[in-house]
Amino acid sequence: MQLGKVVRKFCAQDGQEVILRTPKWEDLDDLMKLINSLVDEKAEIARTVKVTRDEEAEWLHKMLASLEQDEFFFLVAEVDRKIIASSDIRILEGDEKHVGVLGIVIESNYRDLGIGTEIMKTLVEQATFFDLKVLMLHALATNKRAVHVYKKVGFVQTGKVPKKHFRQGRYIDELIMTKLIE
């Protein structure tokens, strides 16, 4: 898929215009700031350690190459020329090539505005381009806001890994959620 391609535009619940597009190399610093802000916040995401610019550059280089080869789908949300969210569908291989694993992160100031729901709907729509039949994701059981959004767009809990994460002195279960694409 073409880098920087606008996939969709919509207005968030606060009236701000949100542009969903594929990323481009120039997004490197914004993407690094986004993920590191979530680590600082101790957000309920998989990553708990900040990334360096070199690490982020290496990761982005790989992701953009996979995106151009249609091996991966990557979407950013932009408000006022600033990346405020990142999401992707990682396509599995071999006899699992009909399965996509979703990931999404949103900057704290842009949550509860309907942006996550619109991103998730767009990811589900894009899954048909890759002929995916099953979408799955992993969520910390304590991330009630995200689980609510996932359920709203049709994901159901199909598994749980008890005590998978240990954070701030407590164990947290990881939920496995799936959606079948018809």
Protein backbone atom coordinates (compact mmCIF):
# COMPACT_ATOMS: atom_id res chain seq x y z
CA MET A 1 0.00 0.00 0.00
CA GLN A 2 1.15 3.53 -0.72
CA LEU A 3 2.85 5.38 2.13
CA GLY A 4 0.99 8.43 3.47
CA LYS A 5 -2.27 7.40 1.74
CA VAL A 6 -5.38 8.88 3.35
CA VAL A 7 -7.80 6.06 4.10
CA ARG A 8 -10.52 8.03 5.88
CA LYS A 9 -11.41 11.36 7.47
CA PHE A 10 -13.97 11.96 10.22
CA CYS A 11 -14.76 14.35 13.06
CA ALA A 12 -14.08 13.29 16.63
CA GLN A 13 -16.78 13.88 19.22
CA ASP A 14 -15.10 17.16 20.17
CA GLY A 15 -15.31 18.40 16.55
CA GLN A 16 -11.64 17.97 15.62
CA GLU A 17 -10.92 16.54 12.18
CA VAL A 18 -9.12 13.20 12.33
CA ILE A 19 -7.24 11.86 9.32
CA LEU A 20 -6.57 8.12 9.16
CA ARG A 21 -3.70 7.37 6.82
CA THR A 22 -0.83 5.04 6.25
CA PRO A 23 2.39 6.25 7.83
CA LYS A 24 5.45 7.65 6.11
CA TRP A 25 9.08 8.06 7.12
CA GLU A 26 8.50 11.66 8.25
CA ASP A 27 6.26 10.33 11.07
CA LEU A 28 9.25 8.83 12.91
CA ASP A 29 9.55 11.46 15.65
CA ASP A 30 5.78 11.69 16.25
CA LEU A 31 5.51 7.90 16.51
CA MET A 32 8.41 7.78 18.97
CA LYS A 33 6.85 10.55 21.08
CA LEU A 34 3.50 8.75 21.05
CA ILE A 35 4.81 5.39 22.27
CA ASN A 36 7.14 6.97 24.82
CA SER A 37 4.32 9.13 26.21
CA LEU A 38 2.31 5.94 26.75
CA VAL A 39 5.23 4.30 28.54
CA ASP A 40 5.59 7.42 30.77
CA GLU A 41 1.87 7.28 31.54
CA LYS A 42 2.16 3.57 32.42
CA ALA A 43 -0.66 2.97 29.96
CA GLU A 44 -2.22 -0.47 29.84
CA ILE A 45 -0.32 -1.58 26.75
CA ALA A 46 2.28 -4.29 26.14
CA ARG A 47 5.29 -1.94 26.00
CA THR A 48 6.73 -0.82 29.33
CA VAL A 49 10.15 0.51 28.26
CA LYS A 50 10.79 3.67 26.23
CA VAL A 51 12.26 3.34 22.74
CA THR A 52 15.30 5.20 21.45
CA ARG A 53 15.17 7.03 18.14
CA ASP A 54 17.41 4.36 16.59
CA GLU A 55 15.11 1.57 17.79
CA GLU A 56 12.05 3.40 16.50
CA ALA A 57 13.76 4.09 13.17
CA GLU A 58 14.68 0.43 12.74
CA TRP A 59 11.11 -0.63 13.60
CA LEU A 60 9.53 1.96 11.29
CA HIS A 61 11.82 0.98 8.42
CA LYS A 62 10.67 -2.65 8.70
CA MET A 63 7.00 -1.68 9.04
CA LEU A 64 7.03 0.63 6.02
CA ALA A 65 8.72 -2.03 3.87
CA SER A 66 6.08 -4.59 4.92
CA LEU A 67 3.31 -2.05 4.27
CA GLU A 68 4.57 -1.37 0.75
CA GLN A 69 4.61 -5.12 0.06
CA ASP A 70 1.03 -5.55 1.43
CA GLU A 71 2.35 -7.92 4.11
CA PHE A 72 1.15 -5.70 6.93
CA PHE A 73 -1.38 -2.91 7.41
CA PHE A 74 -0.42 0.15 9.42
CA LEU A 75 -2.61 3.16 10.12
CA VAL A 76 -1.96 6.39 12.01
CA ALA A 77 -4.48 8.97 13.19
CA GLU A 78 -3.51 12.59 12.71
CA VAL A 79 -5.04 15.70 14.27
CA ASP A 80 -3.64 19.12 13.36
CA ARG A 81 -0.64 17.46 11.63
CA LYS A 82 0.27 15.51 14.79
CA ILE A 83 0.14 11.72 15.14
CA ILE A 84 -2.21 10.94 18.04
CA ALA A 85 -2.75 7.21 17.47
CA SER A 86 -1.16 4.24 15.78
CA SER A 87 -2.70 0.91 14.81
CA ASP A 88 -1.87 -2.11 12.74
CA ILE A 89 -2.85 -5.52 11.48
CA ARG A 90 -0.03 -8.05 11.52
CA ILE A 91 -0.85 -10.85 9.11
CA LEU A 92 0.19 -14.32 10.20
CA GLU A 93 1.91 -16.75 7.86
CA GLY A 94 1.56 -20.33 6.58
CA ASP A 95 -1.66 -22.08 7.53
CA GLU A 96 -2.55 -19.03 9.64
CA LYS A 97 -2.34 -16.50 6.79
CA HIS A 98 -6.10 -15.89 7.11
CA VAL A 99 -5.55 -14.45 10.63
CA GLY A 100 -4.66 -10.86 11.47
CA VAL A 101 -3.48 -9.63 14.86
CA LEU A 102 -4.53 -6.06 15.68
CA GLY A 103 -2.79 -3.49 17.81
CA ILE A 104 -3.80 0.07 18.68
CA VAL A 105 -2.51 2.89 20.89
CA ILE A 106 -4.03 6.34 21.44
CA GLU A 107 -2.53 9.37 23.16
CA SER A 108 -4.25 10.06 26.48
CA ASN A 109 -5.70 13.47 25.46
CA TYR A 110 -7.55 11.86 22.53
CA ARG A 111 -9.33 9.03 24.32
CA ASP A 112 -13.10 8.93 24.88
CA LEU A 113 -13.72 10.94 21.69
CA GLY A 114 -14.79 8.04 19.46
CA ILE A 115 -11.42 7.93 17.70
CA GLY A 116 -10.56 4.41 18.87
CA THR A 117 -13.91 3.08 17.69
CA GLU A 118 -13.47 4.65 14.25
CA ILE A 119 -9.93 3.29 13.96
CA MET A 120 -11.10 -0.20 14.90
CA LYS A 121 -13.96 -0.05 12.36
CA THR A 122 -11.46 1.00 9.69
CA LEU A 123 -9.08 -1.84 10.58
CA VAL A 124 -11.94 -4.34 10.30
CA GLU A 125 -12.85 -2.92 6.87
CA GLN A 126 -9.22 -3.15 5.73
CA ALA A 127 -9.00 -6.80 6.83
CA THR A 128 -11.09 -7.79 3.80
CA PHE A 129 -8.39 -6.36 1.49
CA PHE A 130 -6.02 -9.00 2.87
CA ASP A 131 -8.68 -11.74 2.66
CA LEU A 132 -8.52 -12.23 6.42
CA LYS A 133 -11.16 -14.43 8.04
CA VAL A 134 -10.19 -14.00 11.69
CA LEU A 135 -9.03 -10.92 13.58
CA MET A 136 -7.58 -11.24 17.05
CA LEU A 137 -6.06 -8.98 19.66
CA HIS A 138 -4.62 -9.11 23.14
CA ALA A 139 -5.72 -6.74 25.89
CA LEU A 140 -4.88 -6.33 29.54
CA ALA A 141 -7.98 -7.29 31.53
CA THR A 142 -7.67 -4.04 33.50
CA ASN A 143 -7.98 -1.93 30.33
CA LYS A 144 -11.77 -1.64 30.55
CA ARG A 145 -11.96 1.31 28.13
CA ALA A 146 -10.22 -0.64 25.34
CA VAL A 147 -12.17 -3.85 26.00
CA HIS A 148 -15.40 -1.84 25.73
CA VAL A 149 -14.35 -0.48 22.32
CA TYR A 150 -13.34 -3.92 21.07
CA LYS A 151 -16.71 -5.37 22.09
CA LYS A 152 -18.51 -2.44 20.46
CA VAL A 153 -16.98 -3.33 17.06
CA GLY A 154 -17.78 -7.04 17.41
CA PHE A 155 -14.84 -8.67 19.17
CA VAL A 156 -15.59 -11.33 21.77
CA GLN A 157 -13.36 -12.74 24.48
CA THR A 158 -12.20 -16.19 23.40
CA GLY A 159 -9.43 -16.76 25.91
CA LYS A 160 -7.53 -15.51 28.91
CA VAL A 161 -3.96 -15.92 30.13
CA PRO A 162 -4.12 -15.59 33.93
CA LYS A 163 -1.43 -13.44 35.57
CA LYS A 164 0.44 -12.89 32.28
CA HIS A 165 1.70 -9.44 33.29
CA PHE A 166 3.19 -8.24 36.57
CA ARG A 167 2.98 -4.48 36.97
CA GLN A 168 3.11 -2.13 39.91
CA GLY A 169 3.08 -4.99 42.41
CA ARG A 170 0.15 -6.96 40.97
CA TYR A 171 -0.59 -9.63 38.40
CA ILE A 172 -2.84 -8.77 35.46
CA ASP A 173 -4.63 -11.23 33.19
CA GLU A 174 -4.35 -10.89 29.42
CA LEU A 175 -7.53 -11.29 27.39
CA ILE A 176 -7.58 -12.80 23.92
CA MET A 177 -10.39 -11.37 21.79
CA THR A 178 -11.43 -12.37 18.28
CA LYS A 179 -13.77 -11.33 15.51
CA LEU A 180 -14.75 -13.49 12.55
CA ILE A 181 -14.87 -11.69 9.20
CA GLU A 182 -17.65 -12.80 6.88
